[in-house]
Amino acid sequence: MTEQTINNFLLINSKYFDMSMMPEVKLLLQNADESMAQSIFAIEFKDPTTLLIISILLGTYGIDRFMLGDVGMGLLKLFTGGVCGILWIIDAVNIQQKTKEYNFNKLRSALSGYPMY
């Protein structure tokens, strides 16, 4: 990809990734074909702030984990009430980082050509 395309992508989507992941994100984009640019810009990333709000409001029901594709933990939280609120507190603290990791894995999956489940 061209440097301008990479910079545009990072300008638009930097809030979806952790700052420590940025060098690897940039490297992944540099190694991608220019033909993939349109599909990369079409990826819908999860907003860490939105997931934080959902985690605080609906975290005891596991909604935050279901949104990240973690069905097992979502079911555990749903049926146990977040194990009496302990998992809810842990996820409320960690959900933004988990969301950024999810977004990074989604980008890496899209660039490698393998679907993310």
PDB file of N, CA and C in Angstrom:
ATOM      1  N   MET A   1       0.836  -1.187   0.000  1.00  0.00           N
ATOM      2  CA  MET A   1       0.000   0.000   0.000  1.00  0.00           C
ATOM      3  C   MET A   1       0.878   1.246   0.000  1.00  0.00           C
ATOM      4  N   THR A   2       0.339   2.309  -0.511  1.00  0.00           N
ATOM      5  CA  THR A   2       1.095   3.551  -0.517  1.00  0.00           C
ATOM      6  C   THR A   2       1.092   4.168   0.882  1.00  0.00           C
ATOM      7  N   GLU A   3       2.052   5.004   1.109  1.00  0.00           N
ATOM      8  CA  GLU A   3       2.177   5.661   2.419  1.00  0.00           C
ATOM      9  C   GLU A   3       0.962   6.537   2.713  1.00  0.00           C
ATOM     10  N   GLN A   4       0.431   7.177   1.683  1.00  0.00           N
ATOM     11  CA  GLN A   4      -0.741   8.034   1.874  1.00  0.00           C
ATOM     12  C   GLN A   4      -1.964   7.208   2.278  1.00  0.00           C
ATOM     13  N   THR A   5      -2.158   6.057   1.659  1.00  0.00           N
ATOM     14  CA  THR A   5      -3.278   5.185   2.001  1.00  0.00           C
ATOM     15  C   THR A   5      -3.148   4.689   3.436  1.00  0.00           C
ATOM     16  N   ILE A   6      -1.940   4.321   3.816  1.00  0.00           N
ATOM     17  CA  ILE A   6      -1.690   3.846   5.188  1.00  0.00           C
ATOM     18  C   ILE A   6      -1.982   4.955   6.186  1.00  0.00           C
ATOM     19  N   ASN A   7      -1.492   6.150   5.907  1.00  0.00           N
ATOM     20  CA  ASN A   7      -1.729   7.276   6.818  1.00  0.00           C
ATOM     21  C   ASN A   7      -3.216   7.614   6.926  1.00  0.00           C
ATOM     22  N   ASN A   8      -3.942   7.533   5.808  1.00  0.00           N
ATOM     23  CA  ASN A   8      -5.391   7.768   5.850  1.00  0.00           C
ATOM     24  C   ASN A   8      -6.086   6.732   6.717  1.00  0.00           C
ATOM     25  N   PHE A   9      -5.706   5.469   6.553  1.00  0.00           N
ATOM     26  CA  PHE A   9      -6.305   4.403   7.361  1.00  0.00           C
ATOM     27  C   PHE A   9      -6.037   4.643   8.847  1.00  0.00           C
ATOM     28  N   LEU A  10      -4.792   4.965   9.177  1.00  0.00           N
ATOM     29  CA  LEU A  10      -4.440   5.187  10.584  1.00  0.00           C
ATOM     30  C   LEU A  10      -5.135   6.420  11.151  1.00  0.00           C
ATOM     31  N   LEU A  11      -5.299   7.441  10.347  1.00  0.00           N
ATOM     32  CA  LEU A  11      -5.984   8.651  10.792  1.00  0.00           C
ATOM     33  C   LEU A  11      -7.443   8.356  11.128  1.00  0.00           C
ATOM     34  N   ILE A  12      -8.082   7.568  10.290  1.00  0.00           N
ATOM     35  CA  ILE A  12      -9.497   7.248  10.489  1.00  0.00           C
ATOM     36  C   ILE A  12      -9.704   6.229  11.602  1.00  0.00           C
ATOM     37  N   ASN A  13      -8.826   5.240  11.709  1.00  0.00           N
ATOM     38  CA  ASN A  13      -9.073   4.082  12.569  1.00  0.00           C
ATOM     39  C   ASN A  13      -8.154   3.947  13.773  1.00  0.00           C
ATOM     40  N   SER A  14      -7.341   4.921  14.077  1.00  0.00           N
ATOM     41  CA  SER A  14      -6.369   4.756  15.164  1.00  0.00           C
ATOM     42  C   SER A  14      -7.014   4.539  16.528  1.00  0.00           C
ATOM     43  N   LYS A  15      -8.225   5.042  16.744  1.00  0.00           N
ATOM     44  CA  LYS A  15      -8.862   4.883  18.051  1.00  0.00           C
ATOM     45  C   LYS A  15      -9.279   3.442  18.322  1.00  0.00           C
ATOM     46  N   TYR A  16      -9.309   2.620  17.284  1.00  0.00           N
ATOM     47  CA  TYR A  16      -9.719   1.228  17.442  1.00  0.00           C
ATOM     48  C   TYR A  16      -8.566   0.303  17.834  1.00  0.00           C
ATOM     49  N   PHE A  17      -7.346   0.829  17.860  1.00  0.00           N
ATOM     50  CA  PHE A  17      -6.165   0.018  18.155  1.00  0.00           C
ATOM     51  C   PHE A  17      -5.382   0.626  19.310  1.00  0.00           C
ATOM     52  N   ASP A  18      -4.696  -0.226  20.041  1.00  0.00           N
ATOM     53  CA  ASP A  18      -3.818   0.229  21.111  1.00  0.00           C
ATOM     54  C   ASP A  18      -2.575   0.856  20.480  1.00  0.00           C
ATOM     55  N   MET A  19      -2.034   1.868  21.116  1.00  0.00           N
ATOM     56  CA  MET A  19      -0.860   2.550  20.573  1.00  0.00           C
ATOM     57  C   MET A  19       0.331   1.601  20.444  1.00  0.00           C
ATOM     58  N   SER A  20       0.426   0.615  21.322  1.00  0.00           N
ATOM     59  CA  SER A  20       1.539  -0.332  21.237  1.00  0.00           C
ATOM     60  C   SER A  20       1.414  -1.247  20.015  1.00  0.00           C
ATOM     61  N   MET A  21       0.228  -1.334  19.432  1.00  0.00           N
ATOM     62  CA  MET A  21       0.004  -2.169  18.246  1.00  0.00           C
ATOM     63  C   MET A  21       0.267  -1.413  16.944  1.00  0.00           C
ATOM     64  N   MET A  22       0.386  -0.101  17.011  1.00  0.00           N
ATOM     65  CA  MET A  22       0.486   0.713  15.798  1.00  0.00           C
ATOM     66  C   MET A  22       1.659   0.341  14.888  1.00  0.00           C
ATOM     67  N   PRO A  23       2.857   0.079  15.422  1.00  0.00           N
ATOM     68  CA  PRO A  23       3.932  -0.313  14.496  1.00  0.00           C
ATOM     69  C   PRO A  23       3.602  -1.591  13.718  1.00  0.00           C
ATOM     70  N   GLU A  24       2.972  -2.556  14.384  1.00  0.00           N
ATOM     71  CA  GLU A  24       2.617  -3.796  13.696  1.00  0.00           C
ATOM     72  C   GLU A  24       1.477  -3.569  12.707  1.00  0.00           C
ATOM     73  N   VAL A  25       0.522  -2.716  13.065  1.00  0.00           N
ATOM     74  CA  VAL A  25      -0.566  -2.381  12.139  1.00  0.00           C
ATOM     75  C   VAL A  25       0.021  -1.739  10.887  1.00  0.00           C
ATOM     76  N   LYS A  26       0.931  -0.817  11.080  1.00  0.00           N
ATOM     77  CA  LYS A  26       1.552  -0.129   9.940  1.00  0.00           C
ATOM     78  C   LYS A  26       2.338  -1.115   9.073  1.00  0.00           C
ATOM     79  N   LEU A  27       3.041  -2.041   9.709  1.00  0.00           N
ATOM     80  CA  LEU A  27       3.794  -3.046   8.963  1.00  0.00           C
ATOM     81  C   LEU A  27       2.863  -3.959   8.165  1.00  0.00           C
ATOM     82  N   LEU A  28       1.760  -4.366   8.773  1.00  0.00           N
ATOM     83  CA  LEU A  28       0.777  -5.191   8.061  1.00  0.00           C
ATOM     84  C   LEU A  28       0.233  -4.460   6.838  1.00  0.00           C
ATOM     85  N   LEU A  29      -0.054  -3.179   7.006  1.00  0.00           N
ATOM     86  CA  LEU A  29      -0.593  -2.390   5.898  1.00  0.00           C
ATOM     87  C   LEU A  29       0.446  -2.170   4.804  1.00  0.00           C
ATOM     88  N   GLN A  30       1.704  -1.983   5.183  1.00  0.00           N
ATOM     89  CA  GLN A  30       2.762  -1.790   4.190  1.00  0.00           C
ATOM     90  C   GLN A  30       2.949  -3.034   3.330  1.00  0.00           C
ATOM     91  N   ASN A  31       2.733  -4.198   3.924  1.00  0.00           N
ATOM     92  CA  ASN A  31       2.913  -5.450   3.193  1.00  0.00           C
ATOM     93  C   ASN A  31       1.678  -5.863   2.394  1.00  0.00           C
ATOM     94  N   ALA A  32       0.587  -5.133   2.532  1.00  0.00           N
ATOM     95  CA  ALA A  32      -0.655  -5.466   1.830  1.00  0.00           C
ATOM     96  C   ALA A  32      -0.639  -4.896   0.415  1.00  0.00           C
ATOM     97  N   ASP A  33      -1.359  -5.564  -0.466  1.00  0.00           N
ATOM     98  CA  ASP A  33      -1.501  -5.079  -1.841  1.00  0.00           C
ATOM     99  C   ASP A  33      -2.388  -3.843  -1.863  1.00  0.00           C
ATOM    100  N   GLU A  34      -2.129  -2.987  -2.836  1.00  0.00           N
ATOM    101  CA  GLU A  34      -2.961  -1.792  -3.013  1.00  0.00           C
ATOM    102  C   GLU A  34      -4.397  -2.180  -3.363  1.00  0.00           C
ATOM    103  N   SER A  35      -4.561  -3.341  -3.993  1.00  0.00           N
ATOM    104  CA  SER A  35      -5.901  -3.798  -4.373  1.00  0.00           C
ATOM    105  C   SER A  35      -6.771  -4.123  -3.153  1.00  0.00           C
ATOM    106  N   MET A  36      -6.154  -4.337  -1.999  1.00  0.00           N
ATOM    107  CA  MET A  36      -6.899  -4.654  -0.779  1.00  0.00           C
ATOM    108  C   MET A  36      -7.362  -3.404  -0.041  1.00  0.00           C
ATOM    109  N   ALA A  37      -6.945  -2.244  -0.484  1.00  0.00           N
ATOM    110  CA  ALA A  37      -7.225  -1.004   0.246  1.00  0.00           C
ATOM    111  C   ALA A  37      -8.715  -0.782   0.459  1.00  0.00           C
ATOM    112  N   GLN A  38      -9.501  -0.983  -0.575  1.00  0.00           N
ATOM    113  CA  GLN A  38     -10.936  -0.726  -0.455  1.00  0.00           C
ATOM    114  C   GLN A  38     -11.579  -1.667   0.559  1.00  0.00           C
ATOM    115  N   SER A  39     -11.196  -2.933   0.542  1.00  0.00           N
ATOM    116  CA  SER A  39     -11.783  -3.880   1.496  1.00  0.00           C
ATOM    117  C   SER A  39     -11.303  -3.614   2.917  1.00  0.00           C
ATOM    118  N   ILE A  40     -10.090  -3.119   3.071  1.00  0.00           N
ATOM    119  CA  ILE A  40      -9.576  -2.805   4.406  1.00  0.00           C
ATOM    120  C   ILE A  40     -10.313  -1.606   4.991  1.00  0.00           C
ATOM    121  N   PHE A  41     -10.593  -0.612   4.160  1.00  0.00           N
ATOM    122  CA  PHE A  41     -11.338   0.550   4.642  1.00  0.00           C
ATOM    123  C   PHE A  41     -12.790   0.198   4.969  1.00  0.00           C
ATOM    124  N   ALA A  42     -13.289  -0.903   4.413  1.00  0.00           N
ATOM    125  CA  ALA A  42     -14.676  -1.313   4.654  1.00  0.00           C
ATOM    126  C   ALA A  42     -14.851  -2.130   5.934  1.00  0.00           C
ATOM    127  N   ILE A  43     -13.756  -2.508   6.579  1.00  0.00           N
ATOM    128  CA  ILE A  43     -13.857  -3.304   7.808  1.00  0.00           C
ATOM    129  C   ILE A  43     -14.530  -2.465   8.887  1.00  0.00           C
ATOM    130  N   GLU A  44     -15.510  -3.058   9.545  1.00  0.00           N
ATOM    131  CA  GLU A  44     -16.194  -2.372  10.640  1.00  0.00           C
ATOM    132  C   GLU A  44     -15.588  -2.829  11.964  1.00  0.00           C
ATOM    133  N   PHE A  45     -14.865  -1.935  12.595  1.00  0.00           N
ATOM    134  CA  PHE A  45     -14.238  -2.238  13.873  1.00  0.00           C
ATOM    135  C   PHE A  45     -15.187  -1.902  15.013  1.00  0.00           C
ATOM    136  N   LYS A  46     -14.983  -2.564  16.136  1.00  0.00           N
ATOM    137  CA  LYS A  46     -15.773  -2.286  17.341  1.00  0.00           C
ATOM    138  C   LYS A  46     -15.157  -1.083  18.052  1.00  0.00           C
ATOM    139  N   ASP A  47     -15.994  -0.191  18.522  1.00  0.00           N
ATOM    140  CA  ASP A  47     -15.530   0.997  19.237  1.00  0.00           C
ATOM    141  C   ASP A  47     -15.300   0.642  20.706  1.00  0.00           C
ATOM    142  N   PRO A  48     -14.070   0.788  21.205  1.00  0.00           N
ATOM    143  CA  PRO A  48     -13.779   0.450  22.600  1.00  0.00           C
ATOM    144  C   PRO A  48     -14.621   1.227  23.610  1.00  0.00           C
ATOM    145  N   THR A  49     -14.930   2.478  23.324  1.00  0.00           N
ATOM    146  CA  THR A  49     -15.738   3.275  24.249  1.00  0.00           C
ATOM    147  C   THR A  49     -17.175   2.759  24.299  1.00  0.00           C
ATOM    148  N   THR A  50     -17.712   2.397  23.153  1.00  0.00           N
ATOM    149  CA  THR A  50     -19.061   1.828  23.114  1.00  0.00           C
ATOM    150  C   THR A  50     -19.116   0.523  23.893  1.00  0.00           C
ATOM    151  N   LEU A  51     -18.107  -0.322  23.718  1.00  0.00           N
ATOM    152  CA  LEU A  51     -18.074  -1.589  24.450  1.00  0.00           C
ATOM    153  C   LEU A  51     -17.916  -1.359  25.942  1.00  0.00           C
ATOM    154  N   LEU A  52     -17.203  -0.315  26.338  1.00  0.00           N
ATOM    155  CA  LEU A  52     -17.083   0.003  27.762  1.00  0.00           C
ATOM    156  C   LEU A  52     -18.449   0.356  28.339  1.00  0.00           C
ATOM    157  N   ILE A  53     -19.195   1.185  27.638  1.00  0.00           N
ATOM    158  CA  ILE A  53     -20.535   1.565  28.106  1.00  0.00           C
ATOM    159  C   ILE A  53     -21.443   0.342  28.176  1.00  0.00           C
ATOM    160  N   ILE A  54     -21.393  -0.490  27.145  1.00  0.00           N
ATOM    161  CA  ILE A  54     -22.205  -1.711  27.148  1.00  0.00           C
ATOM    162  C   ILE A  54     -21.778  -2.628  28.278  1.00  0.00           C
ATOM    163  N   SER A  55     -20.482  -2.720  28.519  1.00  0.00           N
ATOM    164  CA  SER A  55     -19.982  -3.574  29.595  1.00  0.00           C
ATOM    165  C   SER A  55     -20.452  -3.089  30.956  1.00  0.00           C
ATOM    166  N   ILE A  56     -20.449  -1.791  31.155  1.00  0.00           N
ATOM    167  CA  ILE A  56     -20.897  -1.241  32.441  1.00  0.00           C
ATOM    168  C   ILE A  56     -22.395  -1.455  32.624  1.00  0.00           C
ATOM    169  N   LEU A  57     -23.171  -1.216  31.570  1.00  0.00           N
ATOM    170  CA  LEU A  57     -24.626  -1.302  31.688  1.00  0.00           C
ATOM    171  C   LEU A  57     -25.167  -2.729  31.597  1.00  0.00           C
ATOM    172  N   LEU A  58     -24.606  -3.537  30.705  1.00  0.00           N
ATOM    173  CA  LEU A  58     -25.154  -4.867  30.443  1.00  0.00           C
ATOM    174  C   LEU A  58     -24.138  -5.986  30.640  1.00  0.00           C
ATOM    175  N   GLY A  59     -23.030  -5.670  31.285  1.00  0.00           N
ATOM    176  CA  GLY A  59     -21.951  -6.646  31.439  1.00  0.00           C
ATOM    177  C   GLY A  59     -22.320  -7.881  32.224  1.00  0.00           C
ATOM    178  N   THR A  60     -23.206  -7.762  33.194  1.00  0.00           N
ATOM    179  CA  THR A  60     -23.575  -8.941  33.981  1.00  0.00           C
ATOM    180  C   THR A  60     -24.340  -9.956  33.139  1.00  0.00           C
ATOM    181  N   TYR A  61     -24.884  -9.523  32.002  1.00  0.00           N
ATOM    182  CA  TYR A  61     -25.594 -10.435  31.098  1.00  0.00           C
ATOM    183  C   TYR A  61     -24.685 -10.988  30.002  1.00  0.00           C
ATOM    184  N   GLY A  62     -23.427 -10.578  29.979  1.00  0.00           N
ATOM    185  CA  GLY A  62     -22.468 -11.099  29.012  1.00  0.00           C
ATOM    186  C   GLY A  62     -22.554 -10.498  27.627  1.00  0.00           C
ATOM    187  N   ILE A  63     -23.338  -9.441  27.458  1.00  0.00           N
ATOM    188  CA  ILE A  63     -23.526  -8.840  26.134  1.00  0.00           C
ATOM    189  C   ILE A  63     -22.191  -8.379  25.548  1.00  0.00           C
ATOM    190  N   ASP A  64     -21.331  -7.818  26.384  1.00  0.00           N
ATOM    191  CA  ASP A  64     -20.038  -7.336  25.911  1.00  0.00           C
ATOM    192  C   ASP A  64     -19.205  -8.469  25.323  1.00  0.00           C
ATOM    193  N   ARG A  65     -19.218  -9.614  25.972  1.00  0.00           N
ATOM    194  CA  ARG A  65     -18.452 -10.761  25.480  1.00  0.00           C
ATOM    195  C   ARG A  65     -19.060 -11.348  24.211  1.00  0.00           C
ATOM    196  N   PHE A  66     -20.389 -11.371  24.136  1.00  0.00           N
ATOM    197  CA  PHE A  66     -21.028 -11.855  22.912  1.00  0.00           C
ATOM    198  C   PHE A  66     -20.635 -10.975  21.730  1.00  0.00           C
ATOM    199  N   MET A  67     -20.546  -9.667  21.934  1.00  0.00           N
ATOM    200  CA  MET A  67     -20.193  -8.744  20.857  1.00  0.00           C
ATOM    201  C   MET A  67     -18.770  -8.957  20.360  1.00  0.00           C
ATOM    202  N   LEU A  68     -17.900  -9.479  21.231  1.00  0.00           N
ATOM    203  CA  LEU A  68     -16.518  -9.751  20.840  1.00  0.00           C
ATOM    204  C   LEU A  68     -16.340 -11.187  20.350  1.00  0.00           C
ATOM    205  N   GLY A  69     -17.438 -11.925  20.242  1.00  0.00           N
ATOM    206  CA  GLY A  69     -17.362 -13.285  19.745  1.00  0.00           C
ATOM    207  C   GLY A  69     -16.953 -14.312  20.780  1.00  0.00           C
ATOM    208  N   ASP A  70     -16.894 -13.922  22.040  1.00  0.00           N
ATOM    209  CA  ASP A  70     -16.506 -14.829  23.120  1.00  0.00           C
ATOM    210  C   ASP A  70     -17.775 -15.423  23.733  1.00  0.00           C
ATOM    211  N   VAL A  71     -18.351 -16.385  23.028  1.00  0.00           N
ATOM    212  CA  VAL A  71     -19.646 -16.945  23.414  1.00  0.00           C
ATOM    213  C   VAL A  71     -19.565 -17.688  24.740  1.00  0.00           C
ATOM    214  N   GLY A  72     -18.492 -18.433  24.953  1.00  0.00           N
ATOM    215  CA  GLY A  72     -18.357 -19.199  26.194  1.00  0.00           C
ATOM    216  C   GLY A  72     -18.395 -18.318  27.428  1.00  0.00           C
ATOM    217  N   MET A  73     -17.605 -17.264  27.425  1.00  0.00           N
ATOM    218  CA  MET A  73     -17.582 -16.351  28.571  1.00  0.00           C
ATOM    219  C   MET A  73     -18.891 -15.572  28.658  1.00  0.00           C
ATOM    220  N   GLY A  74     -19.476 -15.259  27.517  1.00  0.00           N
ATOM    221  CA  GLY A  74     -20.771 -14.582  27.521  1.00  0.00           C
ATOM    222  C   GLY A  74     -21.845 -15.425  28.180  1.00  0.00           C
ATOM    223  N   LEU A  75     -21.867 -16.714  27.860  1.00  0.00           N
ATOM    224  CA  LEU A  75     -22.837 -17.616  28.485  1.00  0.00           C
ATOM    225  C   LEU A  75     -22.576 -17.767  29.980  1.00  0.00           C
ATOM    226  N   LEU A  76     -21.304 -17.864  30.358  1.00  0.00           N
ATOM    227  CA  LEU A  76     -20.963 -17.965  31.781  1.00  0.00           C
ATOM    228  C   LEU A  76     -21.469 -16.744  32.540  1.00  0.00           C
ATOM    229  N   LYS A  77     -21.216 -15.568  31.989  1.00  0.00           N
ATOM    230  CA  LYS A  77     -21.677 -14.347  32.648  1.00  0.00           C
ATOM    231  C   LYS A  77     -23.198 -14.266  32.670  1.00  0.00           C
ATOM    232  N   LEU A  78     -23.841 -14.710  31.602  1.00  0.00           N
ATOM    233  CA  LEU A  78     -25.297 -14.663  31.521  1.00  0.00           C
ATOM    234  C   LEU A  78     -25.945 -15.557  32.574  1.00  0.00           C
ATOM    235  N   PHE A  79     -25.463 -16.779  32.690  1.00  0.00           N
ATOM    236  CA  PHE A  79     -26.103 -17.741  33.586  1.00  0.00           C
ATOM    237  C   PHE A  79     -25.678 -17.618  35.047  1.00  0.00           C
ATOM    238  N   THR A  80     -24.575 -16.917  35.307  1.00  0.00           N
ATOM    239  CA  THR A  80     -24.123 -16.778  36.697  1.00  0.00           C
ATOM    240  C   THR A  80     -24.196 -15.340  37.194  1.00  0.00           C
ATOM    241  N   GLY A  81     -24.740 -14.450  36.372  1.00  0.00           N
ATOM    242  CA  GLY A  81     -24.785 -13.045  36.772  1.00  0.00           C
ATOM    243  C   GLY A  81     -23.397 -12.451  36.885  1.00  0.00           C
ATOM    244  N   GLY A  82     -22.511 -12.892  35.985  1.00  0.00           N
ATOM    245  CA  GLY A  82     -21.135 -12.396  36.032  1.00  0.00           C
ATOM    246  C   GLY A  82     -20.415 -12.916  37.256  1.00  0.00           C
ATOM    247  N   VAL A  83     -20.773 -14.162  37.657  1.00  0.00           N
ATOM    248  CA  VAL A  83     -20.253 -14.782  38.879  1.00  0.00           C
ATOM    249  C   VAL A  83     -20.326 -13.768  40.016  1.00  0.00           C
ATOM    250  N   CYS A  84     -21.577 -13.401  40.271  1.00  0.00           N
ATOM    251  CA  CYS A  84     -21.905 -12.465  41.365  1.00  0.00           C
ATOM    252  C   CYS A  84     -21.215 -11.117  41.202  1.00  0.00           C
ATOM    253  N   GLY A  85     -20.982 -10.712  39.975  1.00  0.00           N
ATOM    254  CA  GLY A  85     -20.436  -9.385  39.719  1.00  0.00           C
ATOM    255  C   GLY A  85     -18.930  -9.321  39.589  1.00  0.00           C
ATOM    256  N   ILE A  86     -18.227 -10.402  39.900  1.00  0.00           N
ATOM    257  CA  ILE A  86     -16.760 -10.365  39.838  1.00  0.00           C
ATOM    258  C   ILE A  86     -16.283 -10.222  38.395  1.00  0.00           C
ATOM    259  N   LEU A  87     -16.818 -11.051  37.495  1.00  0.00           N
ATOM    260  CA  LEU A  87     -16.423 -10.950  36.085  1.00  0.00           C
ATOM    261  C   LEU A  87     -16.872  -9.625  35.475  1.00  0.00           C
ATOM    262  N   TRP A  88     -17.986  -9.110  35.950  1.00  0.00           N
ATOM    263  CA  TRP A  88     -18.464  -7.818  35.456  1.00  0.00           C
ATOM    264  C   TRP A  88     -17.440  -6.729  35.767  1.00  0.00           C
ATOM    265  N   ILE A  89     -16.920  -6.727  36.982  1.00  0.00           N
ATOM    266  CA  ILE A  89     -15.922  -5.722  37.371  1.00  0.00           C
ATOM    267  C   ILE A  89     -14.643  -5.898  36.560  1.00  0.00           C
ATOM    268  N   ILE A  90     -14.197  -7.141  36.422  1.00  0.00           N
ATOM    269  CA  ILE A  90     -12.970  -7.407  35.664  1.00  0.00           C
ATOM    270  C   ILE A  90     -13.130  -6.947  34.217  1.00  0.00           C
ATOM    271  N   ASP A  91     -14.266  -7.282  33.601  1.00  0.00           N
ATOM    272  CA  ASP A  91     -14.484  -6.877  32.211  1.00  0.00           C
ATOM    273  C   ASP A  91     -14.669  -5.374  32.064  1.00  0.00           C
ATOM    274  N   ALA A  92     -15.286  -4.736  33.031  1.00  0.00           N
ATOM    275  CA  ALA A  92     -15.452  -3.281  32.957  1.00  0.00           C
ATOM    276  C   ALA A  92     -14.089  -2.592  32.921  1.00  0.00           C
ATOM    277  N   VAL A  93     -13.115  -3.191  33.585  1.00  0.00           N
ATOM    278  CA  VAL A  93     -11.762  -2.627  33.599  1.00  0.00           C
ATOM    279  C   VAL A  93     -11.002  -2.980  32.315  1.00  0.00           C
ATOM    280  N   ASN A  94     -11.194  -4.197  31.815  1.00  0.00           N
ATOM    281  CA  ASN A  94     -10.370  -4.701  30.709  1.00  0.00           C
ATOM    282  C   ASN A  94     -11.018  -4.671  29.331  1.00  0.00           C
ATOM    283  N   ILE A  95     -12.274  -4.312  29.221  1.00  0.00           N
ATOM    284  CA  ILE A  95     -12.993  -4.481  27.956  1.00  0.00           C
ATOM    285  C   ILE A  95     -12.431  -3.610  26.830  1.00  0.00           C
ATOM    286  N   GLN A  96     -11.931  -2.435  27.127  1.00  0.00           N
ATOM    287  CA  GLN A  96     -11.387  -1.597  26.057  1.00  0.00           C
ATOM    288  C   GLN A  96     -10.148  -2.240  25.437  1.00  0.00           C
ATOM    289  N   GLN A  97      -9.278  -2.795  26.262  1.00  0.00           N
ATOM    290  CA  GLN A  97      -8.088  -3.470  25.737  1.00  0.00           C
ATOM    291  C   GLN A  97      -8.484  -4.712  24.941  1.00  0.00           C
ATOM    292  N   LYS A  98      -9.450  -5.464  25.434  1.00  0.00           N
ATOM    293  CA  LYS A  98      -9.922  -6.656  24.718  1.00  0.00           C
ATOM    294  C   LYS A  98     -10.527  -6.268  23.369  1.00  0.00           C
ATOM    295  N   THR A  99     -11.221  -5.150  23.329  1.00  0.00           N
ATOM    296  CA  THR A  99     -11.817  -4.680  22.078  1.00  0.00           C
ATOM    297  C   THR A  99     -10.733  -4.289  21.082  1.00  0.00           C
ATOM    298  N   LYS A 100      -9.701  -3.622  21.539  1.00  0.00           N
ATOM    299  CA  LYS A 100      -8.602  -3.233  20.653  1.00  0.00           C
ATOM    300  C   LYS A 100      -7.860  -4.458  20.131  1.00  0.00           C
ATOM    301  N   GLU A 101      -7.692  -5.477  20.966  1.00  0.00           N
ATOM    302  CA  GLU A 101      -7.074  -6.723  20.516  1.00  0.00           C
ATOM    303  C   GLU A 101      -7.963  -7.421  19.490  1.00  0.00           C
ATOM    304  N   TYR A 102      -9.273  -7.404  19.722  1.00  0.00           N
ATOM    305  CA  TYR A 102     -10.234  -7.978  18.777  1.00  0.00           C
ATOM    306  C   TYR A 102     -10.116  -7.273  17.421  1.00  0.00           C
ATOM    307  N   ASN A 103     -10.050  -5.950  17.438  1.00  0.00           N
ATOM    308  CA  ASN A 103      -9.932  -5.177  16.198  1.00  0.00           C
ATOM    309  C   ASN A 103      -8.628  -5.490  15.473  1.00  0.00           C
ATOM    310  N   PHE A 104      -7.542  -5.615  16.220  1.00  0.00           N
ATOM    311  CA  PHE A 104      -6.250  -5.940  15.616  1.00  0.00           C
ATOM    312  C   PHE A 104      -6.308  -7.318  14.958  1.00  0.00           C
ATOM    313  N   ASN A 105      -6.881  -8.285  15.657  1.00  0.00           N
ATOM    314  CA  ASN A 105      -7.002  -9.631  15.093  1.00  0.00           C
ATOM    315  C   ASN A 105      -7.906  -9.640  13.864  1.00  0.00           C
ATOM    316  N   LYS A 106      -8.929  -8.803  13.873  1.00  0.00           N
ATOM    317  CA  LYS A 106      -9.830  -8.691  12.721  1.00  0.00           C
ATOM    318  C   LYS A 106      -9.085  -8.129  11.511  1.00  0.00           C
ATOM    319  N   LEU A 107      -8.257  -7.114  11.725  1.00  0.00           N
ATOM    320  CA  LEU A 107      -7.460  -6.541  10.642  1.00  0.00           C
ATOM    321  C   LEU A 107      -6.452  -7.561  10.124  1.00  0.00           C
ATOM    322  N   ARG A 108      -5.755  -8.215  11.039  1.00  0.00           N
ATOM    323  CA  ARG A 108      -4.757  -9.214  10.644  1.00  0.00           C
ATOM    324  C   ARG A 108      -5.420 -10.344   9.853  1.00  0.00           C
ATOM    325  N   SER A 109      -6.588 -10.755  10.289  1.00  0.00           N
ATOM    326  CA  SER A 109      -7.330 -11.806   9.592  1.00  0.00           C
ATOM    327  C   SER A 109      -7.725 -11.358   8.187  1.00  0.00           C
ATOM    328  N   ALA A 110      -8.191 -10.133   8.055  1.00  0.00           N
ATOM    329  CA  ALA A 110      -8.592  -9.609   6.744  1.00  0.00           C
ATOM    330  C   ALA A 110      -7.398  -9.518   5.798  1.00  0.00           C
ATOM    331  N   LEU A 111      -6.249  -9.140   6.321  1.00  0.00           N
ATOM    332  CA  LEU A 111      -5.064  -9.004   5.481  1.00  0.00           C
ATOM    333  C   LEU A 111      -4.469 -10.353   5.105  1.00  0.00           C
ATOM    334  N   SER A 112      -4.665 -11.350   5.950  1.00  0.00           N
ATOM    335  CA  SER A 112      -4.117 -12.668   5.637  1.00  0.00           C
ATOM    336  C   SER A 112      -5.044 -13.466   4.732  1.00  0.00           C
ATOM    337  N   GLY A 113      -6.288 -13.011   4.602  1.00  0.00           N
ATOM    338  CA  GLY A 113      -7.238 -13.701   3.746  1.00  0.00           C
ATOM    339  C   GLY A 113      -8.020 -14.797   4.429  1.00  0.00           C
ATOM    340  N   TYR A 114      -7.793 -14.982   5.717  1.00  0.00           N
ATOM    341  CA  TYR A 114      -8.530 -15.998   6.464  1.00  0.00           C
ATOM    342  C   TYR A 114      -9.607 -15.321   7.295  1.00  0.00           C
ATOM    343  N   PRO A 115     -10.842 -15.831   7.240  1.00  0.00           N
ATOM    344  CA  PRO A 115     -11.921 -15.200   8.018  1.00  0.00           C
ATOM    345  C   PRO A 115     -11.712 -15.374   9.511  1.00  0.00           C
ATOM    346  N   MET A 116     -12.171 -14.395  10.266  1.00  0.00           N
ATOM    347  CA  MET A 116     -12.070 -14.448  11.722  1.00  0.00           C
ATOM    348  C   MET A 116     -13.381 -14.949  12.292  1.00  0.00           C
ATOM    349  N   TYR A 117     -13.285 -15.890  13.185  1.00  0.00           N
ATOM    350  CA  TYR A 117     -14.499 -16.429  13.811  1.00  0.00           C
ATOM    351  C   TYR A 117     -14.611 -15.975  15.226  1.00  0.00           C
TER     352      TYR A 117
END
